[in-house]
């Protein structure tokens, strides 16, 4: 099973790009370029979910909210919102 989460890409002056997914609290990554930040975020999701699963054996992926719901709650400026697909088998590795 796959879950589509909305990820937010941000960039402030004099900082790297950074990416977070509001529906996966604590999962964040950064990079010098937007592409590098996205790649690092893909790695971060994997390590985040494997780590959470190691600590909490009964952990289940949160049900993703719609893009519209996620963006409606954003108070900060952001550059881009994109979809991140997380496959359930990652939770069994």
C-alpha atoms as a PDB file:
ATOM      1  CA  UNK A   1       0.000   0.000   0.000  1.00  0.00           C
ATOM      2  CA  UNK A   2       1.194   3.511  -0.770  1.00  0.00           C
ATOM      3  CA  UNK A   3       0.438   6.745   1.052  1.00  0.00           C
ATOM      4  CA  UNK A   4       0.662  10.184  -0.612  1.00  0.00           C
ATOM      5  CA  UNK A   5       1.886  12.845   1.802  1.00  0.00           C
ATOM      6  CA  UNK A   6       2.284  16.553   1.133  1.00  0.00           C
ATOM      7  CA  UNK A   7       5.804  17.818   1.717  1.00  0.00           C
ATOM      8  CA  UNK A   8       6.672  21.499   2.028  1.00  0.00           C
ATOM      9  CA  UNK A   9       9.878  22.975   0.621  1.00  0.00           C
ATOM     10  CA  UNK A  10      11.111  26.187   2.197  1.00  0.00           C
ATOM     11  CA  UNK A  11      13.987  28.607   1.661  1.00  0.00           C
ATOM     12  CA  UNK A  12      14.870  31.580   3.807  1.00  0.00           C
ATOM     13  CA  UNK A  13      17.592  34.102   2.907  1.00  0.00           C
ATOM     14  CA  UNK A  14      21.050  32.798   3.808  1.00  0.00           C
ATOM     15  CA  UNK A  15      19.799  29.274   4.574  1.00  0.00           C
ATOM     16  CA  UNK A  16      19.681  25.983   2.757  1.00  0.00           C
ATOM     17  CA  UNK A  17      16.477  24.610   1.285  1.00  0.00           C
ATOM     18  CA  UNK A  18      14.609  22.474   3.777  1.00  0.00           C
ATOM     19  CA  UNK A  19      11.767  20.034   3.478  1.00  0.00           C
ATOM     20  CA  UNK A  20       9.268  18.758   6.007  1.00  0.00           C
ATOM     21  CA  UNK A  21       6.071  16.763   5.955  1.00  0.00           C
ATOM     22  CA  UNK A  22       3.504  18.023   8.466  1.00  0.00           C
ATOM     23  CA  UNK A  23       1.836  14.599   8.627  1.00  0.00           C
ATOM     24  CA  UNK A  24       5.151  12.929   9.593  1.00  0.00           C
ATOM     25  CA  UNK A  25       6.230  15.026  12.594  1.00  0.00           C
ATOM     26  CA  UNK A  26       9.956  15.197  13.194  1.00  0.00           C
ATOM     27  CA  UNK A  27      10.917  14.192   9.667  1.00  0.00           C
ATOM     28  CA  UNK A  28      12.949  16.981   8.054  1.00  0.00           C
ATOM     29  CA  UNK A  29      15.894  17.373   5.690  1.00  0.00           C
ATOM     30  CA  UNK A  30      17.860  20.142   4.018  1.00  0.00           C
ATOM     31  CA  UNK A  31      20.163  20.683   1.069  1.00  0.00           C
ATOM     32  CA  UNK A  32      22.079  23.354  -0.805  1.00  0.00           C
ATOM     33  CA  UNK A  33      19.711  23.016  -3.763  1.00  0.00           C
ATOM     34  CA  UNK A  34      16.038  22.125  -4.028  1.00  0.00           C
ATOM     35  CA  UNK A  35      16.970  18.840  -5.711  1.00  0.00           C
ATOM     36  CA  UNK A  36      19.468  17.953  -2.972  1.00  0.00           C
ATOM     37  CA  UNK A  37      16.904  18.753  -0.280  1.00  0.00           C
ATOM     38  CA  UNK A  38      14.349  16.476  -1.969  1.00  0.00           C
ATOM     39  CA  UNK A  39      16.854  13.623  -2.219  1.00  0.00           C
ATOM     40  CA  UNK A  40      17.896  14.074   1.406  1.00  0.00           C
ATOM     41  CA  UNK A  41      14.236  14.100   2.420  1.00  0.00           C
ATOM     42  CA  UNK A  42      13.631  10.757   0.700  1.00  0.00           C
ATOM     43  CA  UNK A  43      16.487   9.325   2.803  1.00  0.00           C
ATOM     44  CA  UNK A  44      15.162  11.064   5.925  1.00  0.00           C
ATOM     45  CA  UNK A  45      11.714   9.501   5.502  1.00  0.00           C
ATOM     46  CA  UNK A  46      13.229   6.047   5.331  1.00  0.00           C
ATOM     47  CA  UNK A  47      15.397   6.499   8.431  1.00  0.00           C
ATOM     48  CA  UNK A  48      12.640   8.291  10.343  1.00  0.00           C
ATOM     49  CA  UNK A  49      10.054   5.585   9.756  1.00  0.00           C
ATOM     50  CA  UNK A  50      12.444   2.697  10.381  1.00  0.00           C
ATOM     51  CA  UNK A  51      13.549   4.378  13.627  1.00  0.00           C
ATOM     52  CA  UNK A  52       9.994   5.010  14.786  1.00  0.00           C
ATOM     53  CA  UNK A  53       9.048   1.421  13.976  1.00  0.00           C
ATOM     54  CA  UNK A  54      12.048   0.147  15.969  1.00  0.00           C
ATOM     55  CA  UNK A  55      10.916   2.140  19.013  1.00  0.00           C
ATOM     56  CA  UNK A  56       7.191   1.513  18.637  1.00  0.00           C
ATOM     57  CA  UNK A  57       6.473  -1.921  17.167  1.00  0.00           C
ATOM     58  CA  UNK A  58       2.766  -1.169  16.786  1.00  0.00           C
ATOM     59  CA  UNK A  59       3.386   2.097  14.872  1.00  0.00           C
ATOM     60  CA  UNK A  60       1.173   2.614  11.838  1.00  0.00           C
ATOM     61  CA  UNK A  61       1.665   5.261   9.203  1.00  0.00           C
ATOM     62  CA  UNK A  62      -0.594   8.247   9.838  1.00  0.00           C
ATOM     63  CA  UNK A  63      -3.379   8.711   7.332  1.00  0.00           C
ATOM     64  CA  UNK A  64      -2.268  11.536   5.045  1.00  0.00           C
ATOM     65  CA  UNK A  65      -4.374  14.669   4.904  1.00  0.00           C
ATOM     66  CA  UNK A  66      -5.251  16.180   1.564  1.00  0.00           C
ATOM     67  CA  UNK A  67      -2.876  18.715   0.059  1.00  0.00           C
ATOM     68  CA  UNK A  68      -5.573  21.356   0.552  1.00  0.00           C
ATOM     69  CA  UNK A  69      -5.859  20.551   4.290  1.00  0.00           C
ATOM     70  CA  UNK A  70      -2.093  20.638   4.818  1.00  0.00           C
ATOM     71  CA  UNK A  71      -1.621  23.921   2.979  1.00  0.00           C
ATOM     72  CA  UNK A  72      -4.589  25.536   4.756  1.00  0.00           C
ATOM     73  CA  UNK A  73      -2.701  25.161   8.044  1.00  0.00           C
ATOM     74  CA  UNK A  74       0.573  26.644   6.773  1.00  0.00           C
ATOM     75  CA  UNK A  75       1.295  29.983   8.406  1.00  0.00           C
ATOM     76  CA  UNK A  76       4.825  30.330   7.041  1.00  0.00           C
ATOM     77  CA  UNK A  77       5.824  31.126   3.499  1.00  0.00           C
ATOM     78  CA  UNK A  78       6.964  28.190   1.430  1.00  0.00           C
ATOM     79  CA  UNK A  79       8.384  27.758  -2.043  1.00  0.00           C
ATOM     80  CA  UNK A  80       6.689  24.613  -3.141  1.00  0.00           C
ATOM     81  CA  UNK A  81       4.423  21.837  -1.995  1.00  0.00           C
ATOM     82  CA  UNK A  82       4.975  18.413  -3.506  1.00  0.00           C
ATOM     83  CA  UNK A  83       3.675  14.894  -3.054  1.00  0.00           C
ATOM     84  CA  UNK A  84       5.843  12.272  -1.386  1.00  0.00           C
ATOM     85  CA  UNK A  85       4.823   8.652  -1.806  1.00  0.00           C
ATOM     86  CA  UNK A  86       5.621   6.335   1.102  1.00  0.00           C
ATOM     87  CA  UNK A  87       5.172   2.626   0.556  1.00  0.00           C
ATOM     88  CA  UNK A  88       3.998   0.531   3.479  1.00  0.00           C
ATOM     89  CA  UNK A  89       6.709  -2.145   3.001  1.00  0.00           C
ATOM     90  CA  UNK A  90       9.250   0.395   4.302  1.00  0.00           C
ATOM     91  CA  UNK A  91       7.644  -0.219   7.664  1.00  0.00           C
ATOM     92  CA  UNK A  92       8.645  -3.903   7.653  1.00  0.00           C
ATOM     93  CA  UNK A  93      12.336  -3.485   6.837  1.00  0.00           C
END
